[in-house]
mmCIF file of all heavy atoms, coordinates in Angstrom:
data_MODEL
# 
_entry.id   MODEL 
# 
loop_
_atom_site.group_PDB 
_atom_site.id 
_atom_site.type_symbol 
_atom_site.label_atom_id 
_atom_site.label_alt_id 
_atom_site.label_comp_id 
_atom_site.label_asym_id 
_atom_site.label_entity_id 
_atom_site.label_seq_id 
_atom_site.pdbx_PDB_ins_code 
_atom_site.Cartn_x 
_atom_site.Cartn_y 
_atom_site.Cartn_z 
_atom_site.occupancy 
_atom_site.B_iso_or_equiv 
_atom_site.pdbx_formal_charge 
_atom_site.auth_seq_id 
_atom_site.auth_comp_id 
_atom_site.auth_asym_id 
_atom_site.auth_atom_id 
_atom_site.pdbx_PDB_model_num 
ATOM 1   N N   . GLU A 1 1  ? 98.207  97.118  80.538 1.00 0.00 ? 1  GLU A N   1 
ATOM 2   C CA  . GLU A 1 1  ? 98.856  98.016  81.487 1.00 0.00 ? 1  GLU A CA  1 
ATOM 3   C C   . GLU A 1 1  ? 99.233  97.287  82.773 1.00 0.00 ? 1  GLU A C   1 
ATOM 4   O O   . GLU A 1 1  ? 100.336 97.468  83.295 1.00 0.00 ? 1  GLU A O   1 
ATOM 5   C CB  . GLU A 1 1  ? 97.965  99.220  81.785 1.00 0.00 ? 1  GLU A CB  1 
ATOM 6   C CG  . GLU A 1 1  ? 97.907  100.192 80.638 1.00 0.00 ? 1  GLU A CG  1 
ATOM 7   C CD  . GLU A 1 1  ? 97.062  101.419 80.923 1.00 0.00 ? 1  GLU A CD  1 
ATOM 8   O OE1 . GLU A 1 1  ? 96.586  101.598 82.073 1.00 0.00 ? 1  GLU A OE1 1 
ATOM 9   O OE2 . GLU A 1 1  ? 96.881  102.226 79.993 1.00 0.00 ? 1  GLU A OE2 1 
ATOM 10  N N   . VAL A 1 2  ? 98.324  96.472  83.272 1.00 0.00 ? 2  VAL A N   1 
ATOM 11  C CA  . VAL A 1 2  ? 98.619  95.716  84.497 1.00 0.00 ? 2  VAL A CA  1 
ATOM 12  C C   . VAL A 1 2  ? 99.769  94.743  84.247 1.00 0.00 ? 2  VAL A C   1 
ATOM 13  O O   . VAL A 1 2  ? 100.741 94.688  85.006 1.00 0.00 ? 2  VAL A O   1 
ATOM 14  C CB  . VAL A 1 2  ? 97.369  94.965  85.011 1.00 0.00 ? 2  VAL A CB  1 
ATOM 15  C CG1 . VAL A 1 2  ? 97.733  94.008  86.139 1.00 0.00 ? 2  VAL A CG1 1 
ATOM 16  C CG2 . VAL A 1 2  ? 96.302  95.960  85.471 1.00 0.00 ? 2  VAL A CG2 1 
ATOM 17  N N   . ALA A 1 3  ? 99.668  93.961  83.185 1.00 0.00 ? 3  ALA A N   1 
ATOM 18  C CA  . ALA A 1 3  ? 100.689 92.949  82.893 1.00 0.00 ? 3  ALA A CA  1 
ATOM 19  C C   . ALA A 1 3  ? 102.059 93.584  82.657 1.00 0.00 ? 3  ALA A C   1 
ATOM 20  O O   . ALA A 1 3  ? 103.069 93.126  83.215 1.00 0.00 ? 3  ALA A O   1 
ATOM 21  C CB  . ALA A 1 3  ? 100.275 92.117  81.682 1.00 0.00 ? 3  ALA A CB  1 
ATOM 22  N N   . LEU A 1 4  ? 102.106 94.630  81.854 1.00 0.00 ? 4  LEU A N   1 
ATOM 23  C CA  . LEU A 1 4  ? 103.393 95.268  81.564 1.00 0.00 ? 4  LEU A CA  1 
ATOM 24  C C   . LEU A 1 4  ? 103.945 95.978  82.787 1.00 0.00 ? 4  LEU A C   1 
ATOM 25  O O   . LEU A 1 4  ? 105.163 96.003  82.996 1.00 0.00 ? 4  LEU A O   1 
ATOM 26  C CB  . LEU A 1 4  ? 103.253 96.226  80.378 1.00 0.00 ? 4  LEU A CB  1 
ATOM 27  C CG  . LEU A 1 4  ? 102.966 95.543  79.039 1.00 0.00 ? 4  LEU A CG  1 
ATOM 28  C CD1 . LEU A 1 4  ? 102.550 96.560  77.990 1.00 0.00 ? 4  LEU A CD1 1 
ATOM 29  C CD2 . LEU A 1 4  ? 104.174 94.733  78.575 1.00 0.00 ? 4  LEU A CD2 1 
ATOM 30  N N   . GLY A 1 5  ? 103.068 96.542  83.610 1.00 0.00 ? 5  GLY A N   1 
ATOM 31  C CA  . GLY A 1 5  ? 103.522 97.153  84.857 1.00 0.00 ? 5  GLY A CA  1 
ATOM 32  C C   . GLY A 1 5  ? 104.167 96.131  85.774 1.00 0.00 ? 5  GLY A C   1 
ATOM 33  O O   . GLY A 1 5  ? 105.229 96.376  86.350 1.00 0.00 ? 5  GLY A O   1 
ATOM 34  N N   . VAL A 1 6  ? 103.557 94.965  85.901 1.00 0.00 ? 6  VAL A N   1 
ATOM 35  C CA  . VAL A 1 6  ? 104.127 93.891  86.721 1.00 0.00 ? 6  VAL A CA  1 
ATOM 36  C C   . VAL A 1 6  ? 105.454 93.416  86.124 1.00 0.00 ? 6  VAL A C   1 
ATOM 37  O O   . VAL A 1 6  ? 106.445 93.246  86.831 1.00 0.00 ? 6  VAL A O   1 
ATOM 38  C CB  . VAL A 1 6  ? 103.129 92.725  86.888 1.00 0.00 ? 6  VAL A CB  1 
ATOM 39  C CG1 . VAL A 1 6  ? 103.794 91.506  87.512 1.00 0.00 ? 6  VAL A CG1 1 
ATOM 40  C CG2 . VAL A 1 6  ? 101.931 93.175  87.720 1.00 0.00 ? 6  VAL A CG2 1 
ATOM 41  N N   . LEU A 1 7  ? 105.473 93.205  84.815 1.00 0.00 ? 7  LEU A N   1 
ATOM 42  C CA  . LEU A 1 7  ? 106.704 92.744  84.153 1.00 0.00 ? 7  LEU A CA  1 
ATOM 43  C C   . LEU A 1 7  ? 107.846 93.756  84.291 1.00 0.00 ? 7  LEU A C   1 
ATOM 44  O O   . LEU A 1 7  ? 109.016 93.368  84.318 1.00 0.00 ? 7  LEU A O   1 
ATOM 45  C CB  . LEU A 1 7  ? 106.444 92.453  82.682 1.00 0.00 ? 7  LEU A CB  1 
ATOM 46  C CG  . LEU A 1 7  ? 105.646 91.196  82.389 1.00 0.00 ? 7  LEU A CG  1 
ATOM 47  C CD1 . LEU A 1 7  ? 105.324 91.107  80.904 1.00 0.00 ? 7  LEU A CD1 1 
ATOM 48  C CD2 . LEU A 1 7  ? 106.386 89.960  82.857 1.00 0.00 ? 7  LEU A CD2 1 
ATOM 49  N N   . LEU A 1 8  ? 107.504 95.028  84.404 1.00 0.00 ? 8  LEU A N   1 
ATOM 50  C CA  . LEU A 1 8  ? 108.530 96.056  84.583 1.00 0.00 ? 8  LEU A CA  1 
ATOM 51  C C   . LEU A 1 8  ? 109.289 95.858  85.887 1.00 0.00 ? 8  LEU A C   1 
ATOM 52  O O   . LEU A 1 8  ? 110.443 96.258  86.007 1.00 0.00 ? 8  LEU A O   1 
ATOM 53  C CB  . LEU A 1 8  ? 107.869 97.440  84.552 1.00 0.00 ? 8  LEU A CB  1 
ATOM 54  C CG  . LEU A 1 8  ? 108.762 98.650  84.335 1.00 0.00 ? 8  LEU A CG  1 
ATOM 55  C CD1 . LEU A 1 8  ? 109.524 98.544  83.028 1.00 0.00 ? 8  LEU A CD1 1 
ATOM 56  C CD2 . LEU A 1 8  ? 107.928 99.919  84.361 1.00 0.00 ? 8  LEU A CD2 1 
ATOM 57  N N   . LEU A 1 9  ? 108.685 95.178  86.847 1.00 0.00 ? 9  LEU A N   1 
ATOM 58  C CA  . LEU A 1 9  ? 109.317 94.921  88.140 1.00 0.00 ? 9  LEU A CA  1 
ATOM 59  C C   . LEU A 1 9  ? 110.234 93.709  88.122 1.00 0.00 ? 9  LEU A C   1 
ATOM 60  O O   . LEU A 1 9  ? 110.969 93.475  89.077 1.00 0.00 ? 9  LEU A O   1 
ATOM 61  C CB  . LEU A 1 9  ? 108.244 94.732  89.216 1.00 0.00 ? 9  LEU A CB  1 
ATOM 62  C CG  . LEU A 1 9  ? 107.345 95.940  89.465 1.00 0.00 ? 9  LEU A CG  1 
ATOM 63  C CD1 . LEU A 1 9  ? 106.205 95.569  90.391 1.00 0.00 ? 9  LEU A CD1 1 
ATOM 64  C CD2 . LEU A 1 9  ? 108.158 97.103  90.004 1.00 0.00 ? 9  LEU A CD2 1 
ATOM 65  N N   . ILE A 1 10 ? 110.187 92.930  87.060 1.00 0.00 ? 10 ILE A N   1 
ATOM 66  C CA  . ILE A 1 10 ? 111.008 91.722  86.951 1.00 0.00 ? 10 ILE A CA  1 
ATOM 67  C C   . ILE A 1 10 ? 112.216 92.061  86.084 1.00 0.00 ? 10 ILE A C   1 
ATOM 68  O O   . ILE A 1 10 ? 112.066 92.319  84.883 1.00 0.00 ? 10 ILE A O   1 
ATOM 69  C CB  . ILE A 1 10 ? 110.188 90.565  86.335 1.00 0.00 ? 10 ILE A CB  1 
ATOM 70  C CG1 . ILE A 1 10 ? 108.960 90.286  87.199 1.00 0.00 ? 10 ILE A CG1 1 
ATOM 71  C CG2 . ILE A 1 10 ? 111.055 89.324  86.164 1.00 0.00 ? 10 ILE A CG2 1 
ATOM 72  C CD1 . ILE A 1 10 ? 107.952 89.361  86.547 1.00 0.00 ? 10 ILE A CD1 1 
ATOM 73  N N   . PRO A 1 11 ? 113.414 92.093  86.685 1.00 0.00 ? 11 PRO A N   1 
ATOM 74  C CA  . PRO A 1 11 ? 114.591 92.536  85.928 1.00 0.00 ? 11 PRO A CA  1 
ATOM 75  C C   . PRO A 1 11 ? 114.762 91.851  84.572 1.00 0.00 ? 11 PRO A C   1 
ATOM 76  O O   . PRO A 1 11 ? 115.058 92.514  83.576 1.00 0.00 ? 11 PRO A O   1 
ATOM 77  C CB  . PRO A 1 11 ? 115.758 92.233  86.871 1.00 0.00 ? 11 PRO A CB  1 
ATOM 78  C CG  . PRO A 1 11 ? 115.150 92.337  88.231 1.00 0.00 ? 11 PRO A CG  1 
ATOM 79  C CD  . PRO A 1 11 ? 113.748 91.784  88.078 1.00 0.00 ? 11 PRO A CD  1 
ATOM 80  N N   . ALA A 1 12 ? 114.562 90.558  84.513 1.00 0.00 ? 12 ALA A N   1 
ATOM 81  C CA  . ALA A 1 12 ? 114.748 89.839  83.245 1.00 0.00 ? 12 ALA A CA  1 
ATOM 82  C C   . ALA A 1 12 ? 113.718 90.236  82.193 1.00 0.00 ? 12 ALA A C   1 
ATOM 83  O O   . ALA A 1 12 ? 113.958 90.043  80.999 1.00 0.00 ? 12 ALA A O   1 
ATOM 84  C CB  . ALA A 1 12 ? 114.691 88.330  83.499 1.00 0.00 ? 12 ALA A CB  1 
ATOM 85  N N   . ALA A 1 13 ? 112.588 90.774  82.616 1.00 0.00 ? 13 ALA A N   1 
ATOM 86  C CA  . ALA A 1 13 ? 111.521 91.126  81.681 1.00 0.00 ? 13 ALA A CA  1 
ATOM 87  C C   . ALA A 1 13 ? 111.331 92.632  81.530 1.00 0.00 ? 13 ALA A C   1 
ATOM 88  O O   . ALA A 1 13 ? 110.518 93.070  80.730 1.00 0.00 ? 13 ALA A O   1 
ATOM 89  C CB  . ALA A 1 13 ? 110.210 90.503  82.152 1.00 0.00 ? 13 ALA A CB  1 
ATOM 90  N N   . SER A 1 14 ? 112.084 93.416  82.282 1.00 0.00 ? 14 SER A N   1 
ATOM 91  C CA  . SER A 1 14 ? 111.812 94.858  82.320 1.00 0.00 ? 14 SER A CA  1 
ATOM 92  C C   . SER A 1 14 ? 112.046 95.555  80.984 1.00 0.00 ? 14 SER A C   1 
ATOM 93  O O   . SER A 1 14 ? 111.316 96.481  80.628 1.00 0.00 ? 14 SER A O   1 
ATOM 94  C CB  . SER A 1 14 ? 112.632 95.531  83.424 1.00 0.00 ? 14 SER A CB  1 
ATOM 95  O OG  . SER A 1 14 ? 114.008 95.427  83.163 1.00 0.00 ? 14 SER A OG  1 
ATOM 96  N N   . ARG A 1 15 ? 113.021 95.095  80.227 1.00 0.00 ? 15 ARG A N   1 
ATOM 97  C CA  . ARG A 1 15 ? 113.278 95.757  78.938 1.00 0.00 ? 15 ARG A CA  1 
ATOM 98  C C   . ARG A 1 15 ? 112.135 95.523  77.955 1.00 0.00 ? 15 ARG A C   1 
ATOM 99  O O   . ARG A 1 15 ? 111.650 96.453  77.319 1.00 0.00 ? 15 ARG A O   1 
ATOM 100 C CB  . ARG A 1 15 ? 114.599 95.257  78.351 1.00 0.00 ? 15 ARG A CB  1 
ATOM 101 C CG  . ARG A 1 15 ? 114.977 96.027  77.114 1.00 0.00 ? 15 ARG A CG  1 
ATOM 102 C CD  . ARG A 1 15 ? 116.374 95.694  76.673 1.00 0.00 ? 15 ARG A CD  1 
ATOM 103 N NE  . ARG A 1 15 ? 116.722 96.533  75.541 1.00 0.00 ? 15 ARG A NE  1 
ATOM 104 C CZ  . ARG A 1 15 ? 117.695 96.289  74.715 1.00 0.00 ? 15 ARG A CZ  1 
ATOM 105 N NH1 . ARG A 1 15 ? 118.461 95.248  74.907 1.00 0.00 ? 15 ARG A NH1 1 
ATOM 106 N NH2 . ARG A 1 15 ? 117.939 97.083  73.701 1.00 0.00 ? 15 ARG A NH2 1 
ATOM 107 N N   . ILE A 1 16 ? 111.679 94.296  77.851 1.00 0.00 ? 16 ILE A N   1 
ATOM 108 C CA  . ILE A 1 16 ? 110.557 93.999  76.952 1.00 0.00 ? 16 ILE A CA  1 
ATOM 109 C C   . ILE A 1 16 ? 109.290 94.678  77.458 1.00 0.00 ? 16 ILE A C   1 
ATOM 110 O O   . ILE A 1 16 ? 108.473 95.154  76.666 1.00 0.00 ? 16 ILE A O   1 
ATOM 111 C CB  . ILE A 1 16 ? 110.352 92.477  76.748 1.00 0.00 ? 16 ILE A CB  1 
ATOM 112 C CG1 . ILE A 1 16 ? 109.370 92.230  75.616 1.00 0.00 ? 16 ILE A CG1 1 
ATOM 113 C CG2 . ILE A 1 16 ? 109.854 91.782  77.958 1.00 0.00 ? 16 ILE A CG2 1 
ATOM 114 C CD1 . ILE A 1 16 ? 110.030 91.980  74.317 1.00 0.00 ? 16 ILE A CD1 1 
ATOM 115 N N   . ALA A 1 17 ? 109.134 94.758  78.790 1.00 0.00 ? 17 ALA A N   1 
ATOM 116 C CA  . ALA A 1 17 ? 107.971 95.444  79.356 1.00 0.00 ? 17 ALA A CA  1 
ATOM 117 C C   . ALA A 1 17 ? 108.000 96.924  78.997 1.00 0.00 ? 17 ALA A C   1 
ATOM 118 O O   . ALA A 1 17 ? 106.965 97.506  78.642 1.00 0.00 ? 17 ALA A O   1 
ATOM 119 C CB  . ALA A 1 17 ? 107.941 95.271  80.875 1.00 0.00 ? 17 ALA A CB  1 
ATOM 120 N N   . ALA A 1 18 ? 109.174 97.533  79.075 1.00 0.00 ? 18 ALA A N   1 
ATOM 121 C CA  . ALA A 1 18 ? 109.288 98.949  78.736 1.00 0.00 ? 18 ALA A CA  1 
ATOM 122 C C   . ALA A 1 18 ? 108.923 99.187  77.275 1.00 0.00 ? 18 ALA A C   1 
ATOM 123 O O   . ALA A 1 18 ? 108.190 100.130 76.956 1.00 0.00 ? 18 ALA A O   1 
ATOM 124 C CB  . ALA A 1 18 ? 110.700 99.450  79.028 1.00 0.00 ? 18 ALA A CB  1 
ATOM 125 N N   . TRP A 1 19 ? 109.412 98.346  76.387 1.00 0.00 ? 19 TRP A N   1 
ATOM 126 C CA  . TRP A 1 19 ? 109.064 98.489  74.970 1.00 0.00 ? 19 TRP A CA  1 
ATOM 127 C C   . TRP A 1 19 ? 107.575 98.246  74.747 1.00 0.00 ? 19 TRP A C   1 
ATOM 128 O O   . TRP A 1 19 ? 106.942 98.895  73.916 1.00 0.00 ? 19 TRP A O   1 
ATOM 129 C CB  . TRP A 1 19 ? 109.916 97.581  74.093 1.00 0.00 ? 19 TRP A CB  1 
ATOM 130 C CG  . TRP A 1 19 ? 111.292 98.139  73.904 1.00 0.00 ? 19 TRP A CG  1 
ATOM 131 C CD1 . TRP A 1 19 ? 112.457 97.634  74.401 1.00 0.00 ? 19 TRP A CD1 1 
ATOM 132 C CD2 . TRP A 1 19 ? 111.647 99.337  73.200 1.00 0.00 ? 19 TRP A CD2 1 
ATOM 133 N NE1 . TRP A 1 19 ? 113.508 98.449  74.048 1.00 0.00 ? 19 TRP A NE1 1 
ATOM 134 C CE2 . TRP A 1 19 ? 113.043 99.496  73.304 1.00 0.00 ? 19 TRP A CE2 1 
ATOM 135 C CE3 . TRP A 1 19 ? 110.917 100.285 72.498 1.00 0.00 ? 19 TRP A CE3 1 
ATOM 136 C CZ2 . TRP A 1 19 ? 113.715 100.569 72.731 1.00 0.00 ? 19 TRP A CZ2 1 
ATOM 137 C CZ3 . TRP A 1 19 ? 111.596 101.360 71.920 1.00 0.00 ? 19 TRP A CZ3 1 
ATOM 138 C CH2 . TRP A 1 19 ? 112.977 101.481 72.035 1.00 0.00 ? 19 TRP A CH2 1 
ATOM 139 N N   . GLY A 1 20 ? 106.994 97.317  75.501 1.00 0.00 ? 20 GLY A N   1 
ATOM 140 C CA  . GLY A 1 20 ? 105.551 97.094  75.416 1.00 0.00 ? 20 GLY A CA  1 
ATOM 141 C C   . GLY A 1 20 ? 104.772 98.310  75.882 1.00 0.00 ? 20 GLY A C   1 
ATOM 142 O O   . GLY A 1 20 ? 103.769 98.686  75.268 1.00 0.00 ? 20 GLY A O   1 
ATOM 143 N N   . LEU A 1 21 ? 105.230 98.939  76.961 1.00 0.00 ? 21 LEU A N   1 
ATOM 144 C CA  . LEU A 1 21 ? 104.569 100.151 77.444 1.00 0.00 ? 21 LEU A CA  1 
ATOM 145 C C   . LEU A 1 21 ? 104.701 101.284 76.435 1.00 0.00 ? 21 LEU A C   1 
ATOM 146 O O   . LEU A 1 21 ? 103.751 102.045 76.220 1.00 0.00 ? 21 LEU A O   1 
ATOM 147 C CB  . LEU A 1 21 ? 105.149 100.570 78.795 1.00 0.00 ? 21 LEU A CB  1 
ATOM 148 C CG  . LEU A 1 21 ? 104.757 99.680  79.978 1.00 0.00 ? 21 LEU A CG  1 
ATOM 149 C CD1 . LEU A 1 21 ? 105.553 100.056 81.216 1.00 0.00 ? 21 LEU A CD1 1 
ATOM 150 C CD2 . LEU A 1 21 ? 103.263 99.767  80.237 1.00 0.00 ? 21 LEU A CD2 1 
ATOM 151 N N   . ILE A 1 22 ? 105.865 101.398 75.822 1.00 0.00 ? 22 ILE A N   1 
ATOM 152 C CA  . ILE A 1 22 ? 106.057 102.430 74.798 1.00 0.00 ? 22 ILE A CA  1 
ATOM 153 C C   . ILE A 1 22 ? 105.075 102.208 73.647 1.00 0.00 ? 22 ILE A C   1 
ATOM 154 O O   . ILE A 1 22 ? 104.404 103.141 73.197 1.00 0.00 ? 22 ILE A O   1 
ATOM 155 C CB  . ILE A 1 22 ? 107.523 102.446 74.315 1.00 0.00 ? 22 ILE A CB  1 
ATOM 156 C CG1 . ILE A 1 22 ? 108.423 102.991 75.442 1.00 0.00 ? 22 ILE A CG1 1 
ATOM 157 C CG2 . ILE A 1 22 ? 107.677 103.261 73.034 1.00 0.00 ? 22 ILE A CG2 1 
ATOM 158 C CD1 . ILE A 1 22 ? 109.908 102.761 75.219 1.00 0.00 ? 22 ILE A CD1 1 
ATOM 159 N N   . ALA A 1 23 ? 104.967 100.978 73.188 1.00 0.00 ? 23 ALA A N   1 
ATOM 160 C CA  . ALA A 1 23 ? 104.025 100.665 72.104 1.00 0.00 ? 23 ALA A CA  1 
ATOM 161 C C   . ALA A 1 23 ? 102.585 100.956 72.541 1.00 0.00 ? 23 ALA A C   1 
ATOM 162 O O   . ALA A 1 23 ? 101.792 101.518 71.768 1.00 0.00 ? 23 ALA A O   1 
ATOM 163 C CB  . ALA A 1 23 ? 104.169 99.206  71.682 1.00 0.00 ? 23 ALA A CB  1 
ATOM 164 N N   . LEU A 1 24 ? 102.250 100.597 73.764 1.00 0.00 ? 24 LEU A N   1 
ATOM 165 C CA  . LEU A 1 24 ? 100.900 100.836 74.274 1.00 0.00 ? 24 LEU A CA  1 
ATOM 166 C C   . LEU A 1 24 ? 100.609 102.334 74.363 1.00 0.00 ? 24 LEU A C   1 
ATOM 167 O O   . LEU A 1 24 ? 99.526  102.788 73.981 1.00 0.00 ? 24 LEU A O   1 
ATOM 168 C CB  . LEU A 1 24 ? 100.741 100.180 75.647 1.00 0.00 ? 24 LEU A CB  1 
ATOM 169 C CG  . LEU A 1 24 ? 99.371  100.316 76.296 1.00 0.00 ? 24 LEU A CG  1 
ATOM 170 C CD1 . LEU A 1 24 ? 98.309  99.600  75.469 1.00 0.00 ? 24 LEU A CD1 1 
ATOM 171 C CD2 . LEU A 1 24 ? 99.398  99.774  77.709 1.00 0.00 ? 24 LEU A CD2 1 
ATOM 172 N N   . LEU A 1 25 ? 101.568 103.102 74.846 1.00 0.00 ? 25 LEU A N   1 
ATOM 173 C CA  . LEU A 1 25 ? 101.373 104.555 74.949 1.00 0.00 ? 25 LEU A CA  1 
ATOM 174 C C   . LEU A 1 25 ? 101.156 105.185 73.572 1.00 0.00 ? 25 LEU A C   1 
ATOM 175 O O   . LEU A 1 25 ? 100.341 106.104 73.427 1.00 0.00 ? 25 LEU A O   1 
ATOM 176 C CB  . LEU A 1 25 ? 102.554 105.191 75.665 1.00 0.00 ? 25 LEU A CB  1 
ATOM 177 C CG  . LEU A 1 25 ? 102.594 104.935 77.175 1.00 0.00 ? 25 LEU A CG  1 
ATOM 178 C CD1 . LEU A 1 25 ? 103.974 105.229 77.738 1.00 0.00 ? 25 LEU A CD1 1 
ATOM 179 C CD2 . LEU A 1 25 ? 101.527 105.752 77.891 1.00 0.00 ? 25 LEU A CD2 1 
ATOM 180 N N   . ILE A 1 26 ? 101.858 104.690 72.596 1.00 0.00 ? 26 ILE A N   1 
ATOM 181 C CA  . ILE A 1 26 ? 101.659 105.189 71.230 1.00 0.00 ? 26 ILE A CA  1 
ATOM 182 C C   . ILE A 1 26 ? 100.275 104.768 70.724 1.00 0.00 ? 26 ILE A C   1 
ATOM 183 O O   . ILE A 1 26 ? 99.560  105.563 70.110 1.00 0.00 ? 26 ILE A O   1 
ATOM 184 C CB  . ILE A 1 26 ? 102.781 104.692 70.298 1.00 0.00 ? 26 ILE A CB  1 
ATOM 185 C CG1 . ILE A 1 26 ? 104.112 105.355 70.702 1.00 0.00 ? 26 ILE A CG1 1 
ATOM 186 C CG2 . ILE A 1 26 ? 102.443 104.955 68.832 1.00 0.00 ? 26 ILE A CG2 1 
ATOM 187 C CD1 . ILE A 1 26 ? 105.341 104.728 70.072 1.00 0.00 ? 26 ILE A CD1 1 
ATOM 188 N N   . ALA A 1 27 ? 99.892  103.537 71.017 1.00 0.00 ? 27 ALA A N   1 
ATOM 189 C CA  . ALA A 1 27 ? 98.600  103.019 70.539 1.00 0.00 ? 27 ALA A CA  1 
ATOM 190 C C   . ALA A 1 27 ? 97.411  103.750 71.157 1.00 0.00 ? 27 ALA A C   1 
ATOM 191 O O   . ALA A 1 27 ? 96.385  103.922 70.489 1.00 0.00 ? 27 ALA A O   1 
ATOM 192 C CB  . ALA A 1 27 ? 98.500  101.525 70.838 1.00 0.00 ? 27 ALA A CB  1 
ATOM 193 N N   . VAL A 1 28 ? 97.524  104.184 72.409 1.00 0.00 ? 28 VAL A N   1 
ATOM 194 C CA  . VAL A 1 28 ? 96.385  104.836 73.061 1.00 0.00 ? 28 VAL A CA  1 
ATOM 195 C C   . VAL A 1 28 ? 96.389  106.355 72.861 1.00 0.00 ? 28 VAL A C   1 
ATOM 196 O O   . VAL A 1 28 ? 95.456  107.038 73.292 1.00 0.00 ? 28 VAL A O   1 
ATOM 197 C CB  . VAL A 1 28 ? 96.302  104.499 74.571 1.00 0.00 ? 28 VAL A CB  1 
ATOM 198 C CG1 . VAL A 1 28 ? 96.161  103.004 74.783 1.00 0.00 ? 28 VAL A CG1 1 
ATOM 199 C CG2 . VAL A 1 28 ? 97.459  105.076 75.344 1.00 0.00 ? 28 VAL A CG2 1 
ATOM 200 N N   . PHE A 1 29 ? 97.397  106.885 72.190 1.00 0.00 ? 29 PHE A N   1 
ATOM 201 C CA  . PHE A 1 29 ? 97.458  108.327 71.977 1.00 0.00 ? 29 PHE A CA  1 
ATOM 202 C C   . PHE A 1 29 ? 96.209  108.880 71.282 1.00 0.00 ? 29 PHE A C   1 
ATOM 203 O O   . PHE A 1 29 ? 95.715  109.947 71.667 1.00 0.00 ? 29 PHE A O   1 
ATOM 204 C CB  . PHE A 1 29 ? 98.728  108.725 71.215 1.00 0.00 ? 29 PHE A CB  1 
ATOM 205 C CG  . PHE A 1 29 ? 98.909  110.208 71.135 1.00 0.00 ? 29 PHE A CG  1 
ATOM 206 C CD1 . PHE A 1 29 ? 99.398  110.918 72.220 1.00 0.00 ? 29 PHE A CD1 1 
ATOM 207 C CD2 . PHE A 1 29 ? 98.578  110.895 69.980 1.00 0.00 ? 29 PHE A CD2 1 
ATOM 208 C CE1 . PHE A 1 29 ? 99.548  112.294 72.165 1.00 0.00 ? 29 PHE A CE1 1 
ATOM 209 C CE2 . PHE A 1 29 ? 98.726  112.277 69.906 1.00 0.00 ? 29 PHE A CE2 1 
ATOM 210 C CZ  . PHE A 1 29 ? 99.213  112.971 71.004 1.00 0.00 ? 29 PHE A CZ  1 
# 
């Protein structure tokens, strides 16, 4: 969560971070 949240702030990494957060949200459901 910390790493993907930080990556979401980096334009070049924000798309992969968003997909990582989506996967994480599904995994913790």
